[in-house]
N, C-alpha and C. Protein backbone atom coordinates (compact mmCIF):
# COMPACT_ATOMS: atom_id res chain seq x y z
N MET A 1 6.35 -105.85 43.81
CA MET A 1 5.49 -106.15 44.92
C MET A 1 4.03 -106.31 44.48
N TYR A 2 3.57 -105.49 43.54
CA TYR A 2 2.18 -105.54 43.09
C TYR A 2 2.01 -106.23 41.74
N GLU A 3 3.08 -106.80 41.21
CA GLU A 3 3.00 -107.36 39.85
C GLU A 3 1.99 -108.49 39.72
N ASP A 4 1.77 -109.28 40.79
CA ASP A 4 0.78 -110.35 40.72
C ASP A 4 -0.63 -109.78 40.53
N ALA A 5 -0.94 -108.71 41.24
CA ALA A 5 -2.25 -108.07 41.09
C ALA A 5 -2.39 -107.49 39.69
N LEU A 6 -1.34 -106.90 39.16
CA LEU A 6 -1.38 -106.32 37.81
C LEU A 6 -1.56 -107.41 36.76
N ALA A 7 -0.93 -108.54 36.94
CA ALA A 7 -1.00 -109.63 35.97
C ALA A 7 -2.42 -110.16 35.80
N ARG A 8 -3.26 -110.00 36.83
CA ARG A 8 -4.64 -110.49 36.77
C ARG A 8 -5.59 -109.48 36.13
N VAL A 9 -5.09 -108.31 35.78
CA VAL A 9 -5.92 -107.26 35.19
C VAL A 9 -5.87 -107.37 33.67
N ASP A 10 -7.05 -107.41 33.03
CA ASP A 10 -7.14 -107.57 31.58
C ASP A 10 -6.29 -106.54 30.83
N LEU A 11 -6.32 -105.29 31.28
CA LEU A 11 -5.59 -104.23 30.60
C LEU A 11 -4.10 -104.53 30.51
N PHE A 12 -3.55 -105.20 31.53
CA PHE A 12 -2.11 -105.47 31.58
C PHE A 12 -1.77 -106.92 31.25
N SER A 13 -2.72 -107.69 30.75
CA SER A 13 -2.52 -109.12 30.52
C SER A 13 -1.46 -109.45 29.48
N ALA A 14 -1.17 -108.53 28.58
CA ALA A 14 -0.18 -108.80 27.53
C ALA A 14 1.25 -108.46 27.96
N LEU A 15 1.41 -107.88 29.14
CA LEU A 15 2.74 -107.50 29.59
C LEU A 15 3.50 -108.70 30.12
N ASP A 16 4.81 -108.72 29.88
CA ASP A 16 5.62 -109.80 30.41
C ASP A 16 6.04 -109.48 31.85
N LYS A 17 6.68 -110.43 32.51
CA LYS A 17 7.03 -110.30 33.93
C LYS A 17 7.90 -109.07 34.19
N LYS A 18 8.86 -108.82 33.35
CA LYS A 18 9.76 -107.68 33.53
C LYS A 18 9.00 -106.35 33.41
N GLU A 19 8.09 -106.28 32.45
CA GLU A 19 7.28 -105.08 32.27
C GLU A 19 6.35 -104.87 33.46
N LEU A 20 5.75 -105.96 33.94
CA LEU A 20 4.87 -105.87 35.11
C LEU A 20 5.63 -105.39 36.34
N GLN A 21 6.85 -105.90 36.52
CA GLN A 21 7.66 -105.48 37.66
C GLN A 21 8.00 -103.99 37.57
N ALA A 22 8.33 -103.53 36.39
CA ALA A 22 8.66 -102.11 36.21
C ALA A 22 7.43 -101.23 36.46
N LEU A 23 6.28 -101.64 35.94
CA LEU A 23 5.05 -100.87 36.12
C LEU A 23 4.62 -100.87 37.58
N ALA A 24 4.76 -102.00 38.25
CA ALA A 24 4.33 -102.13 39.65
C ALA A 24 5.01 -101.10 40.56
N LYS A 25 6.19 -100.67 40.20
CA LYS A 25 6.92 -99.68 41.02
C LYS A 25 6.20 -98.33 41.05
N SER A 26 5.32 -98.08 40.08
CA SER A 26 4.61 -96.81 40.00
C SER A 26 3.33 -96.80 40.83
N PHE A 27 2.88 -97.97 41.32
CA PHE A 27 1.62 -98.07 42.04
C PHE A 27 1.80 -97.78 43.53
N GLN A 28 0.74 -97.25 44.13
CA GLN A 28 0.68 -96.97 45.56
C GLN A 28 -0.58 -97.63 46.11
N GLU A 29 -0.50 -98.16 47.33
CA GLU A 29 -1.68 -98.76 47.94
C GLU A 29 -2.46 -97.67 48.68
N ARG A 30 -3.79 -97.69 48.50
CA ARG A 30 -4.67 -96.72 49.15
C ARG A 30 -5.80 -97.46 49.85
N SER A 31 -6.26 -96.91 50.97
CA SER A 31 -7.39 -97.49 51.71
C SER A 31 -8.52 -96.48 51.81
N TYR A 32 -9.75 -96.98 51.73
CA TYR A 32 -10.94 -96.14 51.79
C TYR A 32 -11.94 -96.79 52.73
N THR A 33 -12.57 -95.99 53.59
CA THR A 33 -13.58 -96.52 54.50
C THR A 33 -14.92 -96.62 53.78
N ALA A 34 -15.77 -97.50 54.27
CA ALA A 34 -17.10 -97.68 53.69
C ALA A 34 -17.83 -96.34 53.62
N GLY A 35 -18.43 -96.08 52.46
CA GLY A 35 -19.17 -94.84 52.26
C GLY A 35 -18.37 -93.70 51.67
N SER A 36 -17.06 -93.84 51.62
CA SER A 36 -16.25 -92.74 51.09
C SER A 36 -16.22 -92.76 49.56
N THR A 37 -16.07 -91.58 48.98
CA THR A 37 -16.01 -91.44 47.53
C THR A 37 -14.57 -91.62 47.08
N ILE A 38 -14.37 -92.54 46.16
CA ILE A 38 -13.03 -92.80 45.62
C ILE A 38 -12.82 -91.96 44.38
N ILE A 39 -13.82 -91.91 43.52
CA ILE A 39 -13.79 -91.11 42.29
C ILE A 39 -15.11 -90.34 42.23
N ALA A 40 -15.04 -89.06 41.93
CA ALA A 40 -16.26 -88.24 41.81
C ALA A 40 -16.47 -87.85 40.35
N GLN A 41 -17.68 -88.11 39.86
CA GLN A 41 -18.04 -87.73 38.49
C GLN A 41 -17.76 -86.24 38.29
N GLY A 42 -17.12 -85.93 37.16
CA GLY A 42 -16.82 -84.55 36.82
C GLY A 42 -15.43 -84.10 37.24
N ASP A 43 -14.82 -84.80 38.20
CA ASP A 43 -13.46 -84.44 38.62
C ASP A 43 -12.45 -84.83 37.55
N SER A 44 -11.29 -84.21 37.60
CA SER A 44 -10.23 -84.63 36.68
C SER A 44 -9.67 -85.96 37.19
N GLY A 45 -9.25 -86.78 36.26
CA GLY A 45 -8.74 -88.10 36.61
C GLY A 45 -7.31 -88.03 37.11
N VAL A 46 -7.07 -88.61 38.27
CA VAL A 46 -5.71 -88.62 38.81
C VAL A 46 -4.97 -89.91 38.48
N GLY A 47 -5.70 -90.93 38.05
CA GLY A 47 -5.03 -92.17 37.72
C GLY A 47 -5.98 -93.35 37.66
N LEU A 48 -5.38 -94.52 37.58
CA LEU A 48 -6.09 -95.78 37.48
C LEU A 48 -6.05 -96.48 38.83
N TYR A 49 -7.17 -97.09 39.20
CA TYR A 49 -7.27 -97.83 40.45
C TYR A 49 -7.53 -99.30 40.13
N ILE A 50 -6.94 -100.17 40.92
CA ILE A 50 -7.24 -101.60 40.88
C ILE A 50 -7.74 -101.97 42.27
N VAL A 51 -8.97 -102.44 42.36
CA VAL A 51 -9.53 -102.85 43.64
C VAL A 51 -8.88 -104.16 44.05
N THR A 52 -8.29 -104.20 45.24
CA THR A 52 -7.66 -105.43 45.72
C THR A 52 -8.44 -106.07 46.87
N ALA A 53 -9.29 -105.27 47.55
CA ALA A 53 -10.13 -105.80 48.63
C ALA A 53 -11.35 -104.90 48.77
N GLY A 54 -12.50 -105.51 49.05
CA GLY A 54 -13.73 -104.74 49.23
C GLY A 54 -14.49 -104.57 47.94
N ASN A 55 -15.60 -103.84 48.02
CA ASN A 55 -16.47 -103.61 46.87
C ASN A 55 -16.77 -102.13 46.73
N VAL A 56 -16.99 -101.72 45.49
CA VAL A 56 -17.34 -100.33 45.19
C VAL A 56 -18.61 -100.30 44.35
N ARG A 57 -19.38 -99.23 44.51
CA ARG A 57 -20.57 -99.02 43.70
C ARG A 57 -20.27 -97.89 42.73
N ILE A 58 -20.67 -98.09 41.48
CA ILE A 58 -20.45 -97.09 40.44
C ILE A 58 -21.80 -96.49 40.06
N THR A 59 -21.88 -95.16 40.10
CA THR A 59 -23.11 -94.46 39.74
C THR A 59 -22.78 -93.31 38.80
N ARG A 60 -23.79 -92.92 38.02
CA ARG A 60 -23.62 -91.80 37.10
C ARG A 60 -24.85 -90.92 37.18
N SER A 61 -24.62 -89.62 37.32
CA SER A 61 -25.72 -88.65 37.32
C SER A 61 -26.04 -88.28 35.88
N LYS A 62 -27.30 -88.47 35.52
CA LYS A 62 -27.74 -88.07 34.17
C LYS A 62 -28.20 -86.62 34.21
N ASP A 63 -29.14 -86.32 35.12
CA ASP A 63 -29.60 -84.96 35.31
C ASP A 63 -30.26 -84.87 36.68
N ALA A 64 -30.51 -83.64 37.13
CA ALA A 64 -31.03 -83.43 38.48
C ALA A 64 -32.41 -84.06 38.69
N ASP A 65 -33.22 -84.16 37.64
CA ASP A 65 -34.58 -84.68 37.77
C ASP A 65 -34.65 -86.20 37.96
N HIS A 66 -33.65 -86.90 37.48
CA HIS A 66 -33.71 -88.36 37.49
C HIS A 66 -32.76 -89.02 38.48
N GLY A 67 -32.00 -88.26 39.22
CA GLY A 67 -31.10 -88.84 40.22
C GLY A 67 -29.95 -89.59 39.58
N ASP A 68 -29.38 -90.51 40.34
CA ASP A 68 -28.22 -91.27 39.88
C ASP A 68 -28.63 -92.59 39.23
N GLU A 69 -27.92 -92.96 38.21
CA GLU A 69 -28.09 -94.25 37.55
C GLU A 69 -27.08 -95.21 38.17
N ASP A 70 -27.54 -96.35 38.66
CA ASP A 70 -26.66 -97.34 39.27
C ASP A 70 -26.04 -98.20 38.18
N LEU A 71 -24.73 -98.16 38.08
CA LEU A 71 -24.03 -98.93 37.04
C LEU A 71 -23.48 -100.25 37.57
N GLY A 72 -23.66 -100.50 38.87
CA GLY A 72 -23.27 -101.80 39.40
C GLY A 72 -22.21 -101.74 40.48
N VAL A 73 -21.87 -102.94 40.95
CA VAL A 73 -20.87 -103.10 42.01
C VAL A 73 -19.68 -103.85 41.43
N GLN A 74 -18.50 -103.41 41.79
CA GLN A 74 -17.26 -104.05 41.34
C GLN A 74 -16.47 -104.47 42.58
N GLY A 75 -15.67 -105.51 42.43
CA GLY A 75 -14.87 -106.01 43.55
C GLY A 75 -13.42 -106.21 43.18
N PRO A 76 -12.73 -107.01 43.97
CA PRO A 76 -11.30 -107.23 43.76
C PRO A 76 -10.97 -107.67 42.33
N GLY A 77 -9.92 -107.06 41.81
CA GLY A 77 -9.47 -107.35 40.45
C GLY A 77 -10.02 -106.40 39.41
N ASN A 78 -11.04 -105.62 39.78
CA ASN A 78 -11.62 -104.69 38.82
C ASN A 78 -10.80 -103.40 38.74
N VAL A 79 -10.79 -102.84 37.54
CA VAL A 79 -10.04 -101.62 37.25
C VAL A 79 -11.00 -100.46 37.15
N LEU A 80 -10.61 -99.34 37.71
CA LEU A 80 -11.42 -98.13 37.69
C LEU A 80 -10.60 -96.97 37.14
N GLY A 81 -11.18 -96.21 36.24
CA GLY A 81 -10.54 -94.98 35.79
C GLY A 81 -9.43 -95.13 34.77
N GLU A 82 -9.44 -96.22 34.02
CA GLU A 82 -8.34 -96.43 33.06
C GLU A 82 -8.30 -95.39 31.95
N MET A 83 -9.47 -94.82 31.61
CA MET A 83 -9.48 -93.83 30.53
C MET A 83 -8.70 -92.57 30.90
N SER A 84 -8.60 -92.29 32.20
CA SER A 84 -7.86 -91.10 32.63
C SER A 84 -6.37 -91.21 32.31
N LEU A 85 -5.90 -92.43 32.08
CA LEU A 85 -4.50 -92.60 31.71
C LEU A 85 -4.22 -92.10 30.30
N LEU A 86 -5.28 -92.05 29.49
CA LEU A 86 -5.10 -91.73 28.08
C LEU A 86 -5.68 -90.38 27.67
N ASP A 87 -6.70 -89.93 28.37
CA ASP A 87 -7.28 -88.63 28.02
C ASP A 87 -7.33 -87.75 29.26
N ASP A 88 -7.59 -86.50 29.06
CA ASP A 88 -7.66 -85.57 30.18
C ASP A 88 -9.09 -85.10 30.43
N LEU A 89 -10.05 -85.95 30.09
CA LEU A 89 -11.46 -85.61 30.26
C LEU A 89 -11.90 -85.87 31.71
N PRO A 90 -12.97 -85.21 32.16
CA PRO A 90 -13.46 -85.43 33.52
C PRO A 90 -13.97 -86.85 33.71
N ARG A 91 -14.00 -87.29 34.96
CA ARG A 91 -14.51 -88.62 35.30
C ARG A 91 -15.97 -88.73 34.87
N SER A 92 -16.32 -89.88 34.32
CA SER A 92 -17.67 -90.08 33.78
C SER A 92 -18.63 -90.69 34.78
N ALA A 93 -18.14 -91.10 35.95
CA ALA A 93 -18.99 -91.72 36.96
C ALA A 93 -18.39 -91.50 38.35
N THR A 94 -19.21 -91.77 39.36
CA THR A 94 -18.76 -91.70 40.75
C THR A 94 -18.57 -93.12 41.26
N VAL A 95 -17.49 -93.33 42.01
CA VAL A 95 -17.19 -94.63 42.60
C VAL A 95 -17.15 -94.45 44.12
N THR A 96 -17.98 -95.22 44.82
CA THR A 96 -18.10 -95.12 46.27
C THR A 96 -17.79 -96.47 46.90
N ALA A 97 -17.06 -96.46 48.00
CA ALA A 97 -16.74 -97.69 48.72
C ALA A 97 -18.00 -98.23 49.38
N VAL A 98 -18.38 -99.47 49.06
CA VAL A 98 -19.53 -100.12 49.68
C VAL A 98 -19.14 -100.56 51.09
N ASP A 99 -17.96 -101.13 51.20
CA ASP A 99 -17.39 -101.51 52.49
C ASP A 99 -15.95 -101.00 52.49
N ASP A 100 -15.15 -101.34 53.46
CA ASP A 100 -13.77 -100.88 53.45
C ASP A 100 -13.07 -101.44 52.21
N VAL A 101 -12.36 -100.57 51.52
CA VAL A 101 -11.75 -100.92 50.24
C VAL A 101 -10.25 -100.63 50.28
N THR A 102 -9.50 -101.55 49.69
CA THR A 102 -8.09 -101.33 49.44
C THR A 102 -7.91 -101.36 47.93
N ALA A 103 -7.16 -100.40 47.42
CA ALA A 103 -6.95 -100.31 45.98
C ALA A 103 -5.50 -99.91 45.70
N LEU A 104 -5.04 -100.29 44.54
CA LEU A 104 -3.75 -99.84 44.05
C LEU A 104 -4.01 -98.69 43.09
N LEU A 105 -3.24 -97.63 43.22
CA LEU A 105 -3.39 -96.45 42.37
C LEU A 105 -2.08 -96.18 41.64
N VAL A 106 -2.20 -95.97 40.33
CA VAL A 106 -1.06 -95.46 39.57
C VAL A 106 -1.47 -94.07 39.08
N PRO A 107 -0.76 -93.03 39.55
CA PRO A 107 -1.07 -91.67 39.08
C PRO A 107 -0.81 -91.54 37.58
N VAL A 108 -1.61 -90.73 36.92
CA VAL A 108 -1.52 -90.58 35.47
C VAL A 108 -0.13 -90.15 35.03
N TRP A 109 0.49 -89.22 35.74
CA TRP A 109 1.82 -88.75 35.35
C TRP A 109 2.88 -89.85 35.49
N GLU A 110 2.72 -90.73 36.49
CA GLU A 110 3.65 -91.86 36.64
C GLU A 110 3.47 -92.85 35.49
N PHE A 111 2.20 -93.11 35.14
CA PHE A 111 1.92 -94.06 34.07
C PHE A 111 2.45 -93.54 32.73
N ARG A 112 2.21 -92.27 32.45
CA ARG A 112 2.69 -91.70 31.18
C ARG A 112 4.21 -91.70 31.13
N ASN A 113 4.86 -91.45 32.24
CA ASN A 113 6.33 -91.52 32.29
C ASN A 113 6.80 -92.95 32.03
N PHE A 114 6.09 -93.92 32.62
CA PHE A 114 6.41 -95.33 32.39
C PHE A 114 6.31 -95.66 30.91
N LEU A 115 5.24 -95.20 30.24
CA LEU A 115 5.08 -95.48 28.81
C LEU A 115 6.18 -94.84 27.97
N ARG A 116 6.61 -93.65 28.35
CA ARG A 116 7.72 -93.00 27.61
C ARG A 116 8.98 -93.85 27.68
N ASN A 117 9.18 -94.51 28.81
CA ASN A 117 10.37 -95.34 28.99
C ASN A 117 10.19 -96.78 28.51
N HIS A 118 8.94 -97.16 28.22
CA HIS A 118 8.63 -98.52 27.76
C HIS A 118 7.63 -98.45 26.60
N PRO A 119 8.05 -97.93 25.45
CA PRO A 119 7.11 -97.73 24.33
C PRO A 119 6.46 -99.02 23.82
N ASP A 120 7.11 -100.16 23.97
CA ASP A 120 6.51 -101.42 23.54
C ASP A 120 5.25 -101.75 24.35
N VAL A 121 5.23 -101.32 25.61
CA VAL A 121 4.06 -101.55 26.45
C VAL A 121 2.87 -100.76 25.90
N ALA A 122 3.13 -99.55 25.40
CA ALA A 122 2.06 -98.73 24.84
C ALA A 122 1.38 -99.47 23.68
N LEU A 123 2.16 -100.12 22.83
CA LEU A 123 1.59 -100.88 21.72
C LEU A 123 0.74 -102.05 22.21
N LYS A 124 1.19 -102.71 23.27
CA LYS A 124 0.42 -103.82 23.83
C LYS A 124 -0.91 -103.32 24.41
N LEU A 125 -0.87 -102.17 25.10
CA LEU A 125 -2.09 -101.61 25.67
C LEU A 125 -3.05 -101.16 24.59
N LEU A 126 -2.52 -100.61 23.50
CA LEU A 126 -3.38 -100.21 22.39
C LEU A 126 -4.13 -101.41 21.81
N ALA A 127 -3.47 -102.55 21.75
CA ALA A 127 -4.12 -103.75 21.23
C ALA A 127 -5.28 -104.17 22.15
N VAL A 128 -5.07 -104.11 23.47
CA VAL A 128 -6.12 -104.46 24.42
C VAL A 128 -7.29 -103.48 24.28
N LEU A 129 -6.99 -102.19 24.21
CA LEU A 129 -8.05 -101.18 24.09
C LEU A 129 -8.79 -101.30 22.76
N SER A 130 -8.08 -101.67 21.72
CA SER A 130 -8.72 -101.87 20.42
C SER A 130 -9.72 -103.03 20.49
N ARG A 131 -9.35 -104.12 21.16
CA ARG A 131 -10.28 -105.26 21.32
C ARG A 131 -11.52 -104.83 22.10
N ARG A 132 -11.32 -104.02 23.15
CA ARG A 132 -12.46 -103.52 23.93
C ARG A 132 -13.39 -102.68 23.07
N LEU A 133 -12.82 -101.81 22.25
CA LEU A 133 -13.62 -100.94 21.39
C LEU A 133 -14.41 -101.78 20.38
N ARG A 134 -13.77 -102.77 19.79
CA ARG A 134 -14.47 -103.64 18.84
C ARG A 134 -15.64 -104.36 19.52
N LYS A 135 -15.40 -104.84 20.73
CA LYS A 135 -16.44 -105.54 21.48
C LYS A 135 -17.60 -104.58 21.78
N ALA A 136 -17.29 -103.37 22.20
CA ALA A 136 -18.32 -102.39 22.52
C ALA A 136 -19.11 -102.02 21.28
N GLU A 137 -18.45 -101.90 20.14
CA GLU A 137 -19.14 -101.56 18.91
C GLU A 137 -20.07 -102.70 18.48
N ASN A 138 -19.67 -103.93 18.72
CA ASN A 138 -20.51 -105.07 18.37
C ASN A 138 -21.74 -105.16 19.26
N LEU A 139 -21.67 -104.62 20.48
CA LEU A 139 -22.79 -104.66 21.41
C LEU A 139 -23.74 -103.50 21.18
N ARG A 140 -23.30 -102.48 20.48
CA ARG A 140 -24.10 -101.27 20.27
C ARG A 140 -25.27 -101.57 19.34
N PRO A 141 -26.49 -101.15 19.72
CA PRO A 141 -27.64 -101.39 18.84
C PRO A 141 -27.52 -100.55 17.57
N GLU A 142 -28.01 -101.09 16.50
CA GLU A 142 -27.96 -100.39 15.19
C GLU A 142 -29.01 -99.33 15.12
């Protein structure tokens, strides 16, 4: 049901139709009203979100004296919280619904179970994450 939305996400772009269909079964649709917090900085990650409708604002608190740093607005097709699928570290930013938002959520335990049953997908995802890391390293100032 959600495989078309997953196919448009960079993280899952290397998956074939059968893999996308299997992964899509783990996703749940969630709705958020404008102004509500979807992800709170410092909380444990419950999973990955794919925005399917609406816009979200991403902010990060540096310290109490300087307030929040605005990291931008994301809309449909954007992925939020993908690192929580791989590590158990706290969320690094807060995500707030700018307007009414619909998102697909895959809980971390569902995703990890999916990878245990589809180890080839894990290798494909590692390749995507490796490309992202290389790109980020190339953008980093010396």
